[in-house]
Amino acid sequence: MPKYLISASYSSDGVKGLLAEGGTKRRETIQKLVTGMGGKMESFYYAFGSDDAYVIVDLPDHATMTALSLGVASSGSISNVNTTVLITPEEVDEATQKTVNYTPPGA
């Protein structure tokens, strides 16, 4: 299953909801969301800085991740969501064994 790093920033409405529910309730909600979509949540952290939360999840495929991201973003509680596909060292090993026939511009 592909693994994703999600970073998110709350909108003002999202912060109001977080203040009302608390951090662990939000983690439980995201856990249920991910599990309901056939995935697994590896970790969930809040942070200082430009992003408010970081979540690492395993999901069945990119379409499922896209659906999750669109659903969360459309709620209005998140002002910014970024998703990064995480790649294992073994996948990098596999990639280094593939031949790439690329010609750079002007060559």
N, C-alpha and C. Protein backbone atom coordinates (compact mmCIF):
# COMPACT_ATOMS: atom_id res chain seq x y z
N MET A 1 0.83 -1.17 0.00
CA MET A 1 0.00 0.00 0.00
C MET A 1 0.88 1.25 0.00
N PRO A 2 0.55 2.23 -0.83
CA PRO A 2 1.32 3.47 -0.81
C PRO A 2 1.23 4.18 0.55
N LYS A 3 2.30 4.86 0.90
CA LYS A 3 2.38 5.59 2.17
C LYS A 3 2.45 7.08 1.84
N TYR A 4 1.72 7.88 2.62
CA TYR A 4 1.63 9.32 2.37
C TYR A 4 1.92 10.11 3.64
N LEU A 5 2.58 11.25 3.46
CA LEU A 5 2.75 12.24 4.51
C LEU A 5 1.80 13.38 4.18
N ILE A 6 0.90 13.67 5.10
CA ILE A 6 -0.07 14.75 4.90
C ILE A 6 0.27 15.86 5.90
N SER A 7 0.42 17.06 5.40
CA SER A 7 0.58 18.22 6.28
C SER A 7 -0.62 19.11 6.04
N ALA A 8 -1.15 19.67 7.13
CA ALA A 8 -2.37 20.47 7.02
C ALA A 8 -2.32 21.66 7.96
N SER A 9 -2.99 22.72 7.55
CA SER A 9 -3.15 23.91 8.37
C SER A 9 -4.64 24.15 8.57
N TYR A 10 -5.02 24.43 9.80
CA TYR A 10 -6.43 24.67 10.11
C TYR A 10 -6.86 26.07 9.69
N SER A 11 -8.09 26.19 9.22
CA SER A 11 -8.72 27.49 9.03
C SER A 11 -9.18 27.97 10.41
N SER A 12 -9.69 29.18 10.49
CA SER A 12 -10.17 29.66 11.80
C SER A 12 -11.33 28.80 12.30
N ASP A 13 -12.20 28.33 11.41
CA ASP A 13 -13.27 27.43 11.83
C ASP A 13 -12.71 26.10 12.33
N GLY A 14 -11.66 25.62 11.68
CA GLY A 14 -11.02 24.38 12.11
C GLY A 14 -10.41 24.51 13.49
N VAL A 15 -9.80 25.66 13.77
CA VAL A 15 -9.22 25.90 15.09
C VAL A 15 -10.31 25.94 16.14
N LYS A 16 -11.44 26.56 15.82
CA LYS A 16 -12.57 26.60 16.76
C LYS A 16 -13.05 25.19 17.08
N GLY A 17 -13.13 24.36 16.07
CA GLY A 17 -13.53 22.98 16.27
C GLY A 17 -12.52 22.21 17.10
N LEU A 18 -11.25 22.44 16.84
CA LEU A 18 -10.19 21.79 17.61
C LEU A 18 -10.25 22.21 19.07
N LEU A 19 -10.47 23.48 19.32
CA LEU A 19 -10.59 23.97 20.70
C LEU A 19 -11.79 23.33 21.41
N ALA A 20 -12.86 23.11 20.68
CA ALA A 20 -14.06 22.51 21.27
C ALA A 20 -13.91 21.02 21.52
N GLU A 21 -13.25 20.31 20.60
CA GLU A 21 -13.14 18.84 20.68
C GLU A 21 -11.88 18.35 21.38
N GLY A 22 -10.79 19.07 21.19
CA GLY A 22 -9.51 18.62 21.71
C GLY A 22 -8.73 17.84 20.67
N GLY A 23 -7.44 17.70 20.93
CA GLY A 23 -6.54 17.05 19.98
C GLY A 23 -6.74 15.56 19.82
N THR A 24 -7.01 14.85 20.92
CA THR A 24 -7.15 13.39 20.80
C THR A 24 -8.44 13.01 20.07
N LYS A 25 -9.49 13.79 20.23
CA LYS A 25 -10.74 13.52 19.50
C LYS A 25 -10.51 13.68 18.00
N ARG A 26 -9.73 14.69 17.62
CA ARG A 26 -9.44 14.90 16.20
C ARG A 26 -8.62 13.73 15.66
N ARG A 27 -7.64 13.27 16.44
CA ARG A 27 -6.84 12.11 16.01
C ARG A 27 -7.74 10.89 15.82
N GLU A 28 -8.66 10.65 16.75
CA GLU A 28 -9.59 9.52 16.63
C GLU A 28 -10.44 9.63 15.37
N THR A 29 -10.89 10.84 15.07
CA THR A 29 -11.72 11.07 13.89
C THR A 29 -10.95 10.75 12.61
N ILE A 30 -9.70 11.20 12.54
CA ILE A 30 -8.88 10.93 11.36
C ILE A 30 -8.56 9.43 11.26
N GLN A 31 -8.32 8.80 12.40
CA GLN A 31 -8.08 7.35 12.43
C GLN A 31 -9.27 6.60 11.82
N LYS A 32 -10.48 6.96 12.23
CA LYS A 32 -11.69 6.32 11.71
C LYS A 32 -11.86 6.59 10.22
N LEU A 33 -11.56 7.81 9.79
CA LEU A 33 -11.65 8.17 8.38
C LEU A 33 -10.72 7.30 7.54
N VAL A 34 -9.47 7.22 7.95
CA VAL A 34 -8.47 6.45 7.21
C VAL A 34 -8.83 4.96 7.19
N THR A 35 -9.19 4.42 8.33
CA THR A 35 -9.58 3.00 8.42
C THR A 35 -10.80 2.72 7.55
N GLY A 36 -11.76 3.63 7.56
CA GLY A 36 -12.96 3.48 6.75
C GLY A 36 -12.69 3.48 5.26
N MET A 37 -11.56 4.04 4.86
CA MET A 37 -11.19 4.06 3.45
C MET A 37 -10.21 2.93 3.11
N GLY A 38 -10.10 1.97 4.02
CA GLY A 38 -9.26 0.81 3.75
C GLY A 38 -7.80 1.01 4.06
N GLY A 39 -7.47 2.03 4.84
CA GLY A 39 -6.08 2.33 5.13
C GLY A 39 -5.71 2.16 6.59
N LYS A 40 -4.53 2.66 6.91
CA LYS A 40 -3.98 2.57 8.27
C LYS A 40 -3.26 3.88 8.57
N MET A 41 -3.53 4.44 9.75
CA MET A 41 -2.81 5.64 10.17
C MET A 41 -1.60 5.21 10.98
N GLU A 42 -0.42 5.63 10.54
CA GLU A 42 0.81 5.29 11.24
C GLU A 42 1.10 6.28 12.36
N SER A 43 0.89 7.57 12.09
CA SER A 43 1.18 8.57 13.11
C SER A 43 0.37 9.83 12.86
N PHE A 44 0.18 10.60 13.93
CA PHE A 44 -0.55 11.87 13.88
C PHE A 44 0.10 12.80 14.89
N TYR A 45 0.57 13.93 14.41
CA TYR A 45 1.23 14.90 15.29
C TYR A 45 0.75 16.31 14.99
N TYR A 46 0.67 17.13 16.04
CA TYR A 46 0.50 18.57 15.89
C TYR A 46 1.88 19.20 15.91
N ALA A 47 2.00 20.43 15.35
CA ALA A 47 3.30 21.07 15.26
C ALA A 47 3.16 22.58 15.31
N PHE A 48 4.25 23.23 15.68
CA PHE A 48 4.37 24.67 15.54
C PHE A 48 4.85 24.93 14.11
N GLY A 49 4.61 26.12 13.60
CA GLY A 49 5.15 26.47 12.29
C GLY A 49 4.06 26.70 11.27
N SER A 50 4.42 26.54 10.01
CA SER A 50 3.48 26.84 8.93
C SER A 50 2.37 25.80 8.82
N ASP A 51 2.59 24.59 9.30
CA ASP A 51 1.56 23.54 9.29
C ASP A 51 1.17 23.19 10.72
N ASP A 52 -0.10 22.88 10.90
CA ASP A 52 -0.61 22.57 12.24
C ASP A 52 -0.58 21.09 12.57
N ALA A 53 -0.66 20.25 11.55
CA ALA A 53 -0.72 18.81 11.80
C ALA A 53 0.02 18.05 10.71
N TYR A 54 0.61 16.92 11.12
CA TYR A 54 1.30 15.99 10.22
C TYR A 54 0.76 14.59 10.47
N VAL A 55 0.38 13.93 9.39
CA VAL A 55 -0.20 12.59 9.50
C VAL A 55 0.49 11.70 8.48
N ILE A 56 0.86 10.49 8.89
CA ILE A 56 1.40 9.50 7.95
C ILE A 56 0.38 8.37 7.87
N VAL A 57 -0.05 8.06 6.65
CA VAL A 57 -1.05 7.03 6.43
C VAL A 57 -0.63 6.09 5.31
N ASP A 58 -1.15 4.87 5.38
CA ASP A 58 -1.09 3.92 4.27
C ASP A 58 -2.50 3.85 3.71
N LEU A 59 -2.64 4.01 2.40
CA LEU A 59 -3.95 3.92 1.75
C LEU A 59 -3.83 3.02 0.53
N PRO A 60 -4.94 2.44 0.08
CA PRO A 60 -4.88 1.47 -1.01
C PRO A 60 -4.27 2.00 -2.32
N ASP A 61 -4.52 3.28 -2.65
CA ASP A 61 -4.05 3.79 -3.94
C ASP A 61 -4.14 5.31 -3.96
N HIS A 62 -3.64 5.90 -5.04
CA HIS A 62 -3.63 7.36 -5.16
C HIS A 62 -5.05 7.92 -5.28
N ALA A 63 -5.95 7.19 -5.92
CA ALA A 63 -7.34 7.67 -6.04
C ALA A 63 -7.99 7.79 -4.66
N THR A 64 -7.71 6.83 -3.78
CA THR A 64 -8.26 6.89 -2.42
C THR A 64 -7.67 8.08 -1.67
N MET A 65 -6.38 8.31 -1.82
CA MET A 65 -5.75 9.47 -1.17
C MET A 65 -6.33 10.77 -1.70
N THR A 66 -6.56 10.83 -3.00
CA THR A 66 -7.14 12.02 -3.60
C THR A 66 -8.54 12.27 -3.07
N ALA A 67 -9.35 11.22 -2.97
CA ALA A 67 -10.71 11.35 -2.43
C ALA A 67 -10.68 11.85 -1.00
N LEU A 68 -9.80 11.29 -0.18
CA LEU A 68 -9.67 11.71 1.21
C LEU A 68 -9.28 13.18 1.28
N SER A 69 -8.29 13.58 0.51
CA SER A 69 -7.81 14.96 0.51
C SER A 69 -8.90 15.93 0.07
N LEU A 70 -9.61 15.59 -0.99
CA LEU A 70 -10.68 16.45 -1.48
C LEU A 70 -11.81 16.57 -0.46
N GLY A 71 -12.15 15.45 0.17
CA GLY A 71 -13.22 15.47 1.17
C GLY A 71 -12.87 16.34 2.37
N VAL A 72 -11.65 16.20 2.86
CA VAL A 72 -11.22 17.00 4.00
C VAL A 72 -11.12 18.47 3.60
N ALA A 73 -10.52 18.76 2.46
CA ALA A 73 -10.35 20.15 2.02
C ALA A 73 -11.69 20.84 1.79
N SER A 74 -12.67 20.10 1.29
CA SER A 74 -13.97 20.70 1.00
C SER A 74 -14.77 21.04 2.26
N SER A 75 -14.34 20.53 3.41
CA SER A 75 -15.07 20.80 4.66
C SER A 75 -14.94 22.25 5.11
N GLY A 76 -13.89 22.93 4.65
CA GLY A 76 -13.66 24.30 5.07
C GLY A 76 -12.91 24.44 6.38
N SER A 77 -12.63 23.33 7.05
CA SER A 77 -11.94 23.38 8.33
C SER A 77 -10.41 23.42 8.17
N ILE A 78 -9.96 23.15 6.96
CA ILE A 78 -8.53 23.14 6.66
C ILE A 78 -8.25 24.22 5.63
N SER A 79 -7.26 25.05 5.87
CA SER A 79 -6.95 26.11 4.91
C SER A 79 -5.91 25.65 3.89
N ASN A 80 -5.14 24.61 4.22
CA ASN A 80 -4.11 24.14 3.31
C ASN A 80 -3.80 22.67 3.60
N VAL A 81 -3.77 21.85 2.57
CA VAL A 81 -3.41 20.44 2.70
C VAL A 81 -2.34 20.13 1.66
N ASN A 82 -1.26 19.50 2.10
CA ASN A 82 -0.21 19.03 1.19
C ASN A 82 -0.03 17.54 1.41
N THR A 83 0.12 16.82 0.31
CA THR A 83 0.31 15.38 0.38
C THR A 83 1.61 15.03 -0.33
N THR A 84 2.44 14.24 0.34
CA THR A 84 3.70 13.77 -0.22
C THR A 84 3.68 12.25 -0.25
N VAL A 85 3.94 11.68 -1.41
CA VAL A 85 4.06 10.22 -1.51
C VAL A 85 5.41 9.84 -0.93
N LEU A 86 5.42 8.93 0.03
CA LEU A 86 6.66 8.49 0.65
C LEU A 86 7.15 7.22 -0.06
N ILE A 87 8.46 7.13 -0.25
CA ILE A 87 9.06 6.03 -1.00
C ILE A 87 10.04 5.30 -0.09
N THR A 88 9.95 3.99 -0.05
CA THR A 88 10.83 3.20 0.82
C THR A 88 12.22 3.09 0.20
N PRO A 89 13.23 2.81 1.01
CA PRO A 89 14.56 2.56 0.47
C PRO A 89 14.57 1.41 -0.55
N GLU A 90 13.75 0.40 -0.32
CA GLU A 90 13.67 -0.73 -1.26
C GLU A 90 13.13 -0.29 -2.61
N GLU A 91 12.16 0.64 -2.60
CA GLU A 91 11.63 1.16 -3.86
C GLU A 91 12.69 1.97 -4.59
N VAL A 92 13.51 2.70 -3.85
CA VAL A 92 14.62 3.44 -4.47
C VAL A 92 15.61 2.46 -5.08
N ASP A 93 15.91 1.37 -4.36
CA ASP A 93 16.80 0.33 -4.91
C ASP A 93 16.24 -0.19 -6.23
N GLU A 94 14.95 -0.47 -6.26
CA GLU A 94 14.31 -0.97 -7.48
C GLU A 94 14.42 0.07 -8.60
N ALA A 95 14.22 1.33 -8.26
CA ALA A 95 14.29 2.40 -9.27
C ALA A 95 15.70 2.53 -9.84
N THR A 96 16.71 2.35 -9.01
CA THR A 96 18.09 2.50 -9.50
C THR A 96 18.48 1.39 -10.47
N GLN A 97 17.71 0.32 -10.51
CA GLN A 97 18.00 -0.78 -11.42
C GLN A 97 17.32 -0.62 -12.77
N LYS A 98 16.50 0.39 -12.92
CA LYS A 98 15.79 0.62 -14.19
C LYS A 98 16.62 1.53 -15.10
N THR A 99 16.56 1.26 -16.39
CA THR A 99 17.27 2.06 -17.38
C THR A 99 16.37 3.21 -17.82
N VAL A 100 16.95 4.40 -17.85
CA VAL A 100 16.23 5.59 -18.29
C VAL A 100 16.94 6.15 -19.51
N ASN A 101 16.24 6.16 -20.64
CA ASN A 101 16.81 6.68 -21.88
C ASN A 101 16.32 8.10 -22.08
N TYR A 102 16.97 9.04 -21.44
CA TYR A 102 16.57 10.44 -21.46
C TYR A 102 17.62 11.27 -22.19
N THR A 103 17.14 12.15 -23.06
CA THR A 103 18.04 13.09 -23.74
C THR A 103 17.71 14.48 -23.22
N PRO A 104 18.68 15.17 -22.60
CA PRO A 104 18.40 16.52 -22.09
C PRO A 104 18.22 17.51 -23.22
N PRO A 105 17.51 18.61 -22.95
CA PRO A 105 17.30 19.62 -23.99
C PRO A 105 18.63 20.12 -24.53
N GLY A 106 18.68 20.30 -25.84
CA GLY A 106 19.89 20.82 -26.48
C GLY A 106 21.00 19.82 -26.68
N ALA A 107 20.79 18.58 -26.31
CA ALA A 107 21.86 17.57 -26.45
C ALA A 107 21.83 16.92 -27.82
